[in-house]
Amino acid sequence: MTKLIFAPVSIVAGIAAGLVGKKLFERLWGVVDDAEPPKPEERPAPIGKLAFALAIEGALFRLVKGLTDHGSRYAFSRLTGSWPGERPQQAK
């Protein structure tokens, strides 16, 4: 039941994380290069620059998404007293 109640919170947090991640990438790329970041569908994209842009974008997105997901779960837990998701197994 907790997962069902938490689902809308998770969806909204995921969308917000995507938007924040995109803005962070745009700001960081502005420091790296004055030009727009290359896109995979562009024919003249230099492979090294493309790989670098994709690696930065992916790492930032994963970082923001993971922190947002954990934060939303923590906040949900504080409000409801129930952690939505898996609990780590205790060492034996």
PDB file of N, CA and C in Angstrom:
ATOM      1  N   MET A   1       0.814  -1.184   0.000  1.00  0.00           N
ATOM      2  CA  MET A   1       0.000   0.000   0.000  1.00  0.00           C
ATOM      3  C   MET A   1       0.868   1.263   0.000  1.00  0.00           C
ATOM      4  N   THR A   2       1.987   1.206   0.721  1.00  0.00           N
ATOM      5  CA  THR A   2       2.883   2.368   0.786  1.00  0.00           C
ATOM      6  C   THR A   2       3.401   2.730  -0.596  1.00  0.00           C
ATOM      7  N   LYS A   3       3.735   1.703  -1.398  1.00  0.00           N
ATOM      8  CA  LYS A   3       4.244   1.963  -2.746  1.00  0.00           C
ATOM      9  C   LYS A   3       3.200   2.683  -3.594  1.00  0.00           C
ATOM     10  N   LEU A   4       1.962   2.307  -3.442  1.00  0.00           N
ATOM     11  CA  LEU A   4       0.879   2.927  -4.209  1.00  0.00           C
ATOM     12  C   LEU A   4       0.699   4.396  -3.824  1.00  0.00           C
ATOM     13  N   ILE A   5       0.772   4.677  -2.547  1.00  0.00           N
ATOM     14  CA  ILE A   5       0.636   6.054  -2.075  1.00  0.00           C
ATOM     15  C   ILE A   5       1.848   6.889  -2.481  1.00  0.00           C
ATOM     16  N   PHE A   6       3.021   6.258  -2.491  1.00  0.00           N
ATOM     17  CA  PHE A   6       4.253   6.979  -2.803  1.00  0.00           C
ATOM     18  C   PHE A   6       4.424   7.217  -4.303  1.00  0.00           C
ATOM     19  N   ALA A   7       3.772   6.456  -5.156  1.00  0.00           N
ATOM     20  CA  ALA A   7       3.961   6.543  -6.612  1.00  0.00           C
ATOM     21  C   ALA A   7       3.816   7.962  -7.161  1.00  0.00           C
ATOM     22  N   PRO A   8       2.761   8.716  -6.831  1.00  0.00           N
ATOM     23  CA  PRO A   8       2.659  10.082  -7.374  1.00  0.00           C
ATOM     24  C   PRO A   8       3.793  10.995  -6.892  1.00  0.00           C
ATOM     25  N   VAL A   9       4.216  10.809  -5.648  1.00  0.00           N
ATOM     26  CA  VAL A   9       5.336  11.593  -5.113  1.00  0.00           C
ATOM     27  C   VAL A   9       6.595  11.296  -5.919  1.00  0.00           C
ATOM     28  N   SER A  10       6.810  10.026  -6.194  1.00  0.00           N
ATOM     29  CA  SER A  10       7.984   9.603  -6.953  1.00  0.00           C
ATOM     30  C   SER A  10       7.968  10.156  -8.378  1.00  0.00           C
ATOM     31  N   ILE A  11       6.817  10.166  -9.002  1.00  0.00           N
ATOM     32  CA  ILE A  11       6.693  10.671 -10.371  1.00  0.00           C
ATOM     33  C   ILE A  11       7.011  12.163 -10.428  1.00  0.00           C
ATOM     34  N   VAL A  12       6.423  12.918  -9.526  1.00  0.00           N
ATOM     35  CA  VAL A  12       6.670  14.362  -9.491  1.00  0.00           C
ATOM     36  C   VAL A  12       8.139  14.648  -9.175  1.00  0.00           C
ATOM     37  N   ALA A  13       8.708  13.911  -8.221  1.00  0.00           N
ATOM     38  CA  ALA A  13      10.122  14.098  -7.875  1.00  0.00           C
ATOM     39  C   ALA A  13      11.018  13.750  -9.061  1.00  0.00           C
ATOM     40  N   GLY A  14      10.672  12.722  -9.810  1.00  0.00           N
ATOM     41  CA  GLY A  14      11.463  12.335 -10.976  1.00  0.00           C
ATOM     42  C   GLY A  14      11.444  13.397 -12.067  1.00  0.00           C
ATOM     43  N   ILE A  15      10.289  13.986 -12.290  1.00  0.00           N
ATOM     44  CA  ILE A  15      10.175  15.054 -13.288  1.00  0.00           C
ATOM     45  C   ILE A  15      10.984  16.270 -12.851  1.00  0.00           C
ATOM     46  N   ALA A  16      10.857  16.628 -11.579  1.00  0.00           N
ATOM     47  CA  ALA A  16      11.628  17.761 -11.052  1.00  0.00           C
ATOM     48  C   ALA A  16      13.126  17.491 -11.150  1.00  0.00           C
ATOM     49  N   ALA A  17      13.542  16.270 -10.849  1.00  0.00           N
ATOM     50  CA  ALA A  17      14.960  15.915 -10.935  1.00  0.00           C
ATOM     51  C   ALA A  17      15.464  16.043 -12.372  1.00  0.00           C
ATOM     52  N   GLY A  18      14.654  15.626 -13.330  1.00  0.00           N
ATOM     53  CA  GLY A  18      15.040  15.749 -14.732  1.00  0.00           C
ATOM     54  C   GLY A  18      15.238  17.199 -15.145  1.00  0.00           C
ATOM     55  N   LEU A  19      14.340  18.058 -14.711  1.00  0.00           N
ATOM     56  CA  LEU A  19      14.451  19.483 -15.044  1.00  0.00           C
ATOM     57  C   LEU A  19      15.678  20.120 -14.390  1.00  0.00           C
ATOM     58  N   VAL A  20      15.901  19.797 -13.127  1.00  0.00           N
ATOM     59  CA  VAL A  20      17.073  20.331 -12.421  1.00  0.00           C
ATOM     60  C   VAL A  20      18.360  19.808 -13.063  1.00  0.00           C
ATOM     61  N   GLY A  21      18.393  18.515 -13.382  1.00  0.00           N
ATOM     62  CA  GLY A  21      19.565  17.933 -14.025  1.00  0.00           C
ATOM     63  C   GLY A  21      19.870  18.588 -15.363  1.00  0.00           C
ATOM     64  N   LYS A  22      18.838  18.876 -16.126  1.00  0.00           N
ATOM     65  CA  LYS A  22      19.019  19.522 -17.431  1.00  0.00           C
ATOM     66  C   LYS A  22      19.597  20.925 -17.262  1.00  0.00           C
ATOM     67  N   LYS A  23      19.062  21.677 -16.299  1.00  0.00           N
ATOM     68  CA  LYS A  23      19.571  23.037 -16.048  1.00  0.00           C
ATOM     69  C   LYS A  23      21.021  22.999 -15.565  1.00  0.00           C
ATOM     70  N   LEU A  24      21.341  22.060 -14.683  1.00  0.00           N
ATOM     71  CA  LEU A  24      22.724  21.931 -14.210  1.00  0.00           C
ATOM     72  C   LEU A  24      23.667  21.612 -15.365  1.00  0.00           C
ATOM     73  N   PHE A  25      23.241  20.704 -16.243  1.00  0.00           N
ATOM     74  CA  PHE A  25      24.078  20.350 -17.390  1.00  0.00           C
ATOM     75  C   PHE A  25      24.290  21.562 -18.299  1.00  0.00           C
ATOM     76  N   GLU A  26      23.230  22.309 -18.552  1.00  0.00           N
ATOM     77  CA  GLU A  26      23.361  23.493 -19.414  1.00  0.00           C
ATOM     78  C   GLU A  26      24.348  24.495 -18.815  1.00  0.00           C
ATOM     79  N   ARG A  27      24.273  24.702 -17.504  1.00  0.00           N
ATOM     80  CA  ARG A  27      25.203  25.636 -16.847  1.00  0.00           C
ATOM     81  C   ARG A  27      26.631  25.112 -16.878  1.00  0.00           C
ATOM     82  N   LEU A  28      26.794  23.826 -16.592  1.00  0.00           N
ATOM     83  CA  LEU A  28      28.136  23.246 -16.592  1.00  0.00           C
ATOM     84  C   LEU A  28      28.728  23.251 -17.995  1.00  0.00           C
ATOM     85  N   TRP A  29      27.913  22.933 -18.990  1.00  0.00           N
ATOM     86  CA  TRP A  29      28.423  22.923 -20.364  1.00  0.00           C
ATOM     87  C   TRP A  29      28.822  24.331 -20.797  1.00  0.00           C
ATOM     88  N   GLY A  30      28.134  25.341 -20.317  1.00  0.00           N
ATOM     89  CA  GLY A  30      28.491  26.721 -20.613  1.00  0.00           C
ATOM     90  C   GLY A  30      29.885  27.073 -20.112  1.00  0.00           C
ATOM     91  N   VAL A  31      30.332  26.427 -19.054  1.00  0.00           N
ATOM     92  CA  VAL A  31      31.686  26.623 -18.540  1.00  0.00           C
ATOM     93  C   VAL A  31      32.695  25.871 -19.416  1.00  0.00           C
ATOM     94  N   VAL A  32      32.296  24.698 -19.899  1.00  0.00           N
ATOM     95  CA  VAL A  32      33.182  23.851 -20.703  1.00  0.00           C
ATOM     96  C   VAL A  32      33.378  24.406 -22.108  1.00  0.00           C
ATOM     97  N   ASP A  33      32.286  24.851 -22.734  1.00  0.00           N
ATOM     98  CA  ASP A  33      32.339  25.271 -24.137  1.00  0.00           C
ATOM     99  C   ASP A  33      31.270  26.339 -24.384  1.00  0.00           C
ATOM    100  N   ASP A  34      31.587  27.291 -25.254  1.00  0.00           N
ATOM    101  CA  ASP A  34      30.632  28.346 -25.602  1.00  0.00           C
ATOM    102  C   ASP A  34      29.545  27.843 -26.554  1.00  0.00           C
ATOM    103  N   ALA A  35      29.867  26.820 -27.341  1.00  0.00           N
ATOM    104  CA  ALA A  35      28.906  26.269 -28.306  1.00  0.00           C
ATOM    105  C   ALA A  35      27.920  25.348 -27.596  1.00  0.00           C
ATOM    106  N   GLU A  36      26.818  25.086 -28.264  1.00  0.00           N
ATOM    107  CA  GLU A  36      25.845  24.124 -27.746  1.00  0.00           C
ATOM    108  C   GLU A  36      26.498  22.747 -27.659  1.00  0.00           C
ATOM    109  N   PRO A  37      26.082  21.911 -26.705  1.00  0.00           N
ATOM    110  CA  PRO A  37      26.641  20.557 -26.645  1.00  0.00           C
ATOM    111  C   PRO A  37      26.217  19.760 -27.880  1.00  0.00           C
ATOM    112  N   PRO A  38      27.099  18.901 -28.366  1.00  0.00           N
ATOM    113  CA  PRO A  38      26.729  18.094 -29.540  1.00  0.00           C
ATOM    114  C   PRO A  38      25.639  17.095 -29.176  1.00  0.00           C
ATOM    115  N   LYS A  39      24.837  16.756 -30.164  1.00  0.00           N
ATOM    116  CA  LYS A  39      23.764  15.786 -29.974  1.00  0.00           C
ATOM    117  C   LYS A  39      24.067  14.552 -30.827  1.00  0.00           C
ATOM    118  N   PRO A  40      23.673  13.378 -30.356  1.00  0.00           N
ATOM    119  CA  PRO A  40      23.991  12.145 -31.093  1.00  0.00           C
ATOM    120  C   PRO A  40      23.449  12.116 -32.519  1.00  0.00           C
ATOM    121  N   GLU A  41      22.328  12.799 -32.773  1.00  0.00           N
ATOM    122  CA  GLU A  41      21.745  12.745 -34.121  1.00  0.00           C
ATOM    123  C   GLU A  41      22.413  13.702 -35.104  1.00  0.00           C
ATOM    124  N   GLU A  42      23.313  14.553 -34.613  1.00  0.00           N
ATOM    125  CA  GLU A  42      24.020  15.478 -35.509  1.00  0.00           C
ATOM    126  C   GLU A  42      25.156  14.748 -36.221  1.00  0.00           C
ATOM    127  N   ARG A  43      25.212  14.893 -37.528  1.00  0.00           N
ATOM    128  CA  ARG A  43      26.234  14.216 -38.309  1.00  0.00           C
ATOM    129  C   ARG A  43      27.640  14.727 -38.018  1.00  0.00           C
ATOM    130  N   PRO A  44      27.867  16.042 -37.958  1.00  0.00           N
ATOM    131  CA  PRO A  44      29.245  16.505 -37.787  1.00  0.00           C
ATOM    132  C   PRO A  44      29.744  16.520 -36.335  1.00  0.00           C
ATOM    133  N   ALA A  45      29.060  15.877 -35.409  1.00  0.00           N
ATOM    134  CA  ALA A  45      29.463  15.906 -34.002  1.00  0.00           C
ATOM    135  C   ALA A  45      30.783  15.162 -33.809  1.00  0.00           C
ATOM    136  N   PRO A  46      31.806  15.850 -33.273  1.00  0.00           N
ATOM    137  CA  PRO A  46      33.070  15.163 -32.971  1.00  0.00           C
ATOM    138  C   PRO A  46      32.832  14.114 -31.881  1.00  0.00           C
ATOM    139  N   ILE A  47      33.299  12.904 -32.106  1.00  0.00           N
ATOM    140  CA  ILE A  47      32.984  11.785 -31.221  1.00  0.00           C
ATOM    141  C   ILE A  47      33.507  12.008 -29.795  1.00  0.00           C
ATOM    142  N   GLY A  48      34.685  12.591 -29.649  1.00  0.00           N
ATOM    143  CA  GLY A  48      35.226  12.836 -28.311  1.00  0.00           C
ATOM    144  C   GLY A  48      34.399  13.842 -27.531  1.00  0.00           C
ATOM    145  N   LYS A  49      34.027  14.923 -28.192  1.00  0.00           N
ATOM    146  CA  LYS A  49      33.222  15.968 -27.562  1.00  0.00           C
ATOM    147  C   LYS A  49      31.825  15.432 -27.233  1.00  0.00           C
ATOM    148  N   LEU A  50      31.272  14.636 -28.141  1.00  0.00           N
ATOM    149  CA  LEU A  50      29.969  14.024 -27.918  1.00  0.00           C
ATOM    150  C   LEU A  50      30.022  13.085 -26.714  1.00  0.00           C
ATOM    151  N   ALA A  51      31.044  12.241 -26.653  1.00  0.00           N
ATOM    152  CA  ALA A  51      31.177  11.297 -25.536  1.00  0.00           C
ATOM    153  C   ALA A  51      31.320  12.044 -24.211  1.00  0.00           C
ATOM    154  N   PHE A  52      32.098  13.111 -24.195  1.00  0.00           N
ATOM    155  CA  PHE A  52      32.291  13.906 -22.987  1.00  0.00           C
ATOM    156  C   PHE A  52      30.975  14.545 -22.548  1.00  0.00           C
ATOM    157  N   ALA A  53      30.246  15.119 -23.478  1.00  0.00           N
ATOM    158  CA  ALA A  53      28.964  15.759 -23.164  1.00  0.00           C
ATOM    159  C   ALA A  53      27.960  14.743 -22.626  1.00  0.00           C
ATOM    160  N   LEU A  54      27.895  13.571 -23.254  1.00  0.00           N
ATOM    161  CA  LEU A  54      26.954  12.542 -22.811  1.00  0.00           C
ATOM    162  C   LEU A  54      27.331  11.992 -21.435  1.00  0.00           C
ATOM    163  N   ALA A  55      28.621  11.847 -21.178  1.00  0.00           N
ATOM    164  CA  ALA A  55      29.068  11.347 -19.872  1.00  0.00           C
ATOM    165  C   ALA A  55      28.724  12.340 -18.768  1.00  0.00           C
ATOM    166  N   ILE A  56      28.971  13.611 -19.014  1.00  0.00           N
ATOM    167  CA  ILE A  56      28.638  14.637 -18.014  1.00  0.00           C
ATOM    168  C   ILE A  56      27.130  14.680 -17.791  1.00  0.00           C
ATOM    169  N   GLU A  57      26.380  14.685 -18.878  1.00  0.00           N
ATOM    170  CA  GLU A  57      24.925  14.753 -18.773  1.00  0.00           C
ATOM    171  C   GLU A  57      24.365  13.547 -18.018  1.00  0.00           C
ATOM    172  N   GLY A  58      24.849  12.355 -18.346  1.00  0.00           N
ATOM    173  CA  GLY A  58      24.373  11.142 -17.678  1.00  0.00           C
ATOM    174  C   GLY A  58      24.730  11.107 -16.203  1.00  0.00           C
ATOM    175  N   ALA A  59      25.958  11.499 -15.885  1.00  0.00           N
ATOM    176  CA  ALA A  59      26.383  11.497 -14.488  1.00  0.00           C
ATOM    177  C   ALA A  59      25.582  12.502 -13.667  1.00  0.00           C
ATOM    178  N   LEU A  60      25.382  13.694 -14.202  1.00  0.00           N
ATOM    179  CA  LEU A  60      24.602  14.705 -13.487  1.00  0.00           C
ATOM    180  C   LEU A  60      23.158  14.257 -13.298  1.00  0.00           C
ATOM    181  N   PHE A  61      22.579  13.699 -14.348  1.00  0.00           N
ATOM    182  CA  PHE A  61      21.194  13.254 -14.249  1.00  0.00           C
ATOM    183  C   PHE A  61      21.056  12.175 -13.186  1.00  0.00           C
ATOM    184  N   ARG A  62      21.956  11.206 -13.190  1.00  0.00           N
ATOM    185  CA  ARG A  62      21.890  10.107 -12.229  1.00  0.00           C
ATOM    186  C   ARG A  62      22.093  10.617 -10.803  1.00  0.00           C
ATOM    187  N   LEU A  63      23.022  11.546 -10.629  1.00  0.00           N
ATOM    188  CA  LEU A  63      23.277  12.125  -9.309  1.00  0.00           C
ATOM    189  C   LEU A  63      22.039  12.852  -8.786  1.00  0.00           C
ATOM    190  N   VAL A  64      21.488  13.742  -9.600  1.00  0.00           N
ATOM    191  CA  VAL A  64      20.316  14.514  -9.175  1.00  0.00           C
ATOM    192  C   VAL A  64      19.126  13.592  -8.946  1.00  0.00           C
ATOM    193  N   LYS A  65      18.905  12.630  -9.830  1.00  0.00           N
ATOM    194  CA  LYS A  65      17.784  11.695  -9.696  1.00  0.00           C
ATOM    195  C   LYS A  65      17.920  10.863  -8.423  1.00  0.00           C
ATOM    196  N   GLY A  66      19.114  10.348  -8.151  1.00  0.00           N
ATOM    197  CA  GLY A  66      19.325   9.534  -6.963  1.00  0.00           C
ATOM    198  C   GLY A  66      19.126  10.317  -5.679  1.00  0.00           C
ATOM    199  N   LEU A  67      19.681  11.523  -5.628  1.00  0.00           N
ATOM    200  CA  LEU A  67      19.514  12.355  -4.438  1.00  0.00           C
ATOM    201  C   LEU A  67      18.061  12.778  -4.241  1.00  0.00           C
ATOM    202  N   THR A  68      17.382  13.107  -5.338  1.00  0.00           N
ATOM    203  CA  THR A  68      15.979  13.495  -5.255  1.00  0.00           C
ATOM    204  C   THR A  68      15.116  12.317  -4.812  1.00  0.00           C
ATOM    205  N   ASP A  69      15.379  11.141  -5.362  1.00  0.00           N
ATOM    206  CA  ASP A  69      14.620   9.953  -4.995  1.00  0.00           C
ATOM    207  C   ASP A  69      14.798   9.648  -3.509  1.00  0.00           C
ATOM    208  N   HIS A  70      16.030   9.664  -3.049  1.00  0.00           N
ATOM    209  CA  HIS A  70      16.282   9.377  -1.641  1.00  0.00           C
ATOM    210  C   HIS A  70      15.639  10.442  -0.750  1.00  0.00           C
ATOM    211  N   GLY A  71      15.775  11.704  -1.139  1.00  0.00           N
ATOM    212  CA  GLY A  71      15.190  12.791  -0.359  1.00  0.00           C
ATOM    213  C   GLY A  71      13.678  12.706  -0.277  1.00  0.00           C
ATOM    214  N   SER A  72      13.040  12.354  -1.387  1.00  0.00           N
ATOM    215  CA  SER A  72      11.580  12.245  -1.369  1.00  0.00           C
ATOM    216  C   SER A  72      11.144  11.057  -0.514  1.00  0.00           C
ATOM    217  N   ARG A  73      11.909   9.976  -0.541  1.00  0.00           N
ATOM    218  CA  ARG A  73      11.596   8.820   0.309  1.00  0.00           C
ATOM    219  C   ARG A  73      11.780   9.165   1.785  1.00  0.00           C
ATOM    220  N   TYR A  74      12.831   9.910   2.075  1.00  0.00           N
ATOM    221  CA  TYR A  74      13.083  10.326   3.448  1.00  0.00           C
ATOM    222  C   TYR A  74      11.955  11.227   3.956  1.00  0.00           C
ATOM    223  N   ALA A  75      11.562  12.200   3.138  1.00  0.00           N
ATOM    224  CA  ALA A  75      10.476  13.105   3.523  1.00  0.00           C
ATOM    225  C   ALA A  75       9.168  12.333   3.701  1.00  0.00           C
ATOM    226  N   PHE A  76       8.884  11.415   2.787  1.00  0.00           N
ATOM    227  CA  PHE A  76       7.676  10.589   2.889  1.00  0.00           C
ATOM    228  C   PHE A  76       7.697   9.780   4.175  1.00  0.00           C
ATOM    229  N   SER A  77       8.846   9.229   4.503  1.00  0.00           N
ATOM    230  CA  SER A  77       8.997   8.438   5.718  1.00  0.00           C
ATOM    231  C   SER A  77       8.777   9.281   6.970  1.00  0.00           C
ATOM    232  N   ARG A  78       9.290  10.500   6.951  1.00  0.00           N
ATOM    233  CA  ARG A  78       9.102  11.400   8.094  1.00  0.00           C
ATOM    234  C   ARG A  78       7.625  11.771   8.274  1.00  0.00           C
ATOM    235  N   LEU A  79       6.923  11.926   7.156  1.00  0.00           N
ATOM    236  CA  LEU A  79       5.499  12.296   7.226  1.00  0.00           C
ATOM    237  C   LEU A  79       4.593  11.132   7.618  1.00  0.00           C
ATOM    238  N   THR A  80       4.910   9.938   7.094  1.00  0.00           N
ATOM    239  CA  THR A  80       4.008   8.801   7.284  1.00  0.00           C
ATOM    240  C   THR A  80       4.505   7.778   8.297  1.00  0.00           C
ATOM    241  N   GLY A  81       5.801   7.790   8.585  1.00  0.00           N
ATOM    242  CA  GLY A  81       6.360   6.790   9.487  1.00  0.00           C
ATOM    243  C   GLY A  81       6.680   5.481   8.797  1.00  0.00           C
ATOM    244  N   SER A  82       6.524   5.430   7.482  1.00  0.00           N
ATOM    245  CA  SER A  82       6.773   4.209   6.714  1.00  0.00           C
ATOM    246  C   SER A  82       7.709   4.509   5.547  1.00  0.00           C
ATOM    247  N   TRP A  83       8.790   3.734   5.429  1.00  0.00           N
ATOM    248  CA  TRP A  83       9.746   3.927   4.341  1.00  0.00           C
ATOM    249  C   TRP A  83       9.220   3.240   3.087  1.00  0.00           C
ATOM    250  N   PRO A  84       9.084   3.983   1.972  1.00  0.00           N
ATOM    251  CA  PRO A  84       8.597   3.360   0.736  1.00  0.00           C
ATOM    252  C   PRO A  84       9.742   2.688  -0.018  1.00  0.00           C
ATOM    253  N   GLY A  85       9.729   1.397  -0.077  1.00  0.00           N
ATOM    254  CA  GLY A  85      10.772   0.698  -0.816  1.00  0.00           C
ATOM    255  C   GLY A  85      11.473  -0.330   0.041  1.00  0.00           C
ATOM    256  N   GLU A  86      12.572  -0.807  -0.489  1.00  0.00           N
ATOM    257  CA  GLU A  86      13.335  -1.863   0.157  1.00  0.00           C
ATOM    258  C   GLU A  86      14.156  -1.326   1.315  1.00  0.00           C
ATOM    259  N   ARG A  87      14.245  -2.110   2.341  1.00  0.00           N
ATOM    260  CA  ARG A  87      15.165  -1.808   3.442  1.00  0.00           C
ATOM    261  C   ARG A  87      16.384  -2.711   3.270  1.00  0.00           C
ATOM    262  N   PRO A  88      17.564  -2.197   3.583  1.00  0.00           N
ATOM    263  CA  PRO A  88      18.748  -3.041   3.444  1.00  0.00           C
ATOM    264  C   PRO A  88      18.691  -4.224   4.397  1.00  0.00           C
ATOM    265  N   GLN A  89      19.201  -5.349   3.912  1.00  0.00           N
ATOM    266  CA  GLN A  89      19.225  -6.551   4.758  1.00  0.00           C
ATOM    267  C   GLN A  89      20.329  -6.397   5.786  1.00  0.00           C
ATOM    268  N   GLN A  90      20.080  -6.859   6.981  1.00  0.00           N
ATOM    269  CA  GLN A  90      21.080  -6.779   8.023  1.00  0.00           C
ATOM    270  C   GLN A  90      22.102  -7.880   7.841  1.00  0.00           C
ATOM    271  N   ALA A  91      23.372  -7.542   8.133  1.00  0.00           N
ATOM    272  CA  ALA A  91      24.448  -8.527   8.028  1.00  0.00           C
ATOM    273  C   ALA A  91      24.273  -9.594   9.087  1.00  0.00           C
ATOM    274  N   LYS A  92      24.614 -10.817   8.726  1.00  0.00           N
ATOM    275  CA  LYS A  92      24.479 -11.929   9.688  1.00  0.00           C
ATOM    276  C   LYS A  92      25.795 -12.285  10.295  1.00  0.00           C
TER     277      LYS A  92
END
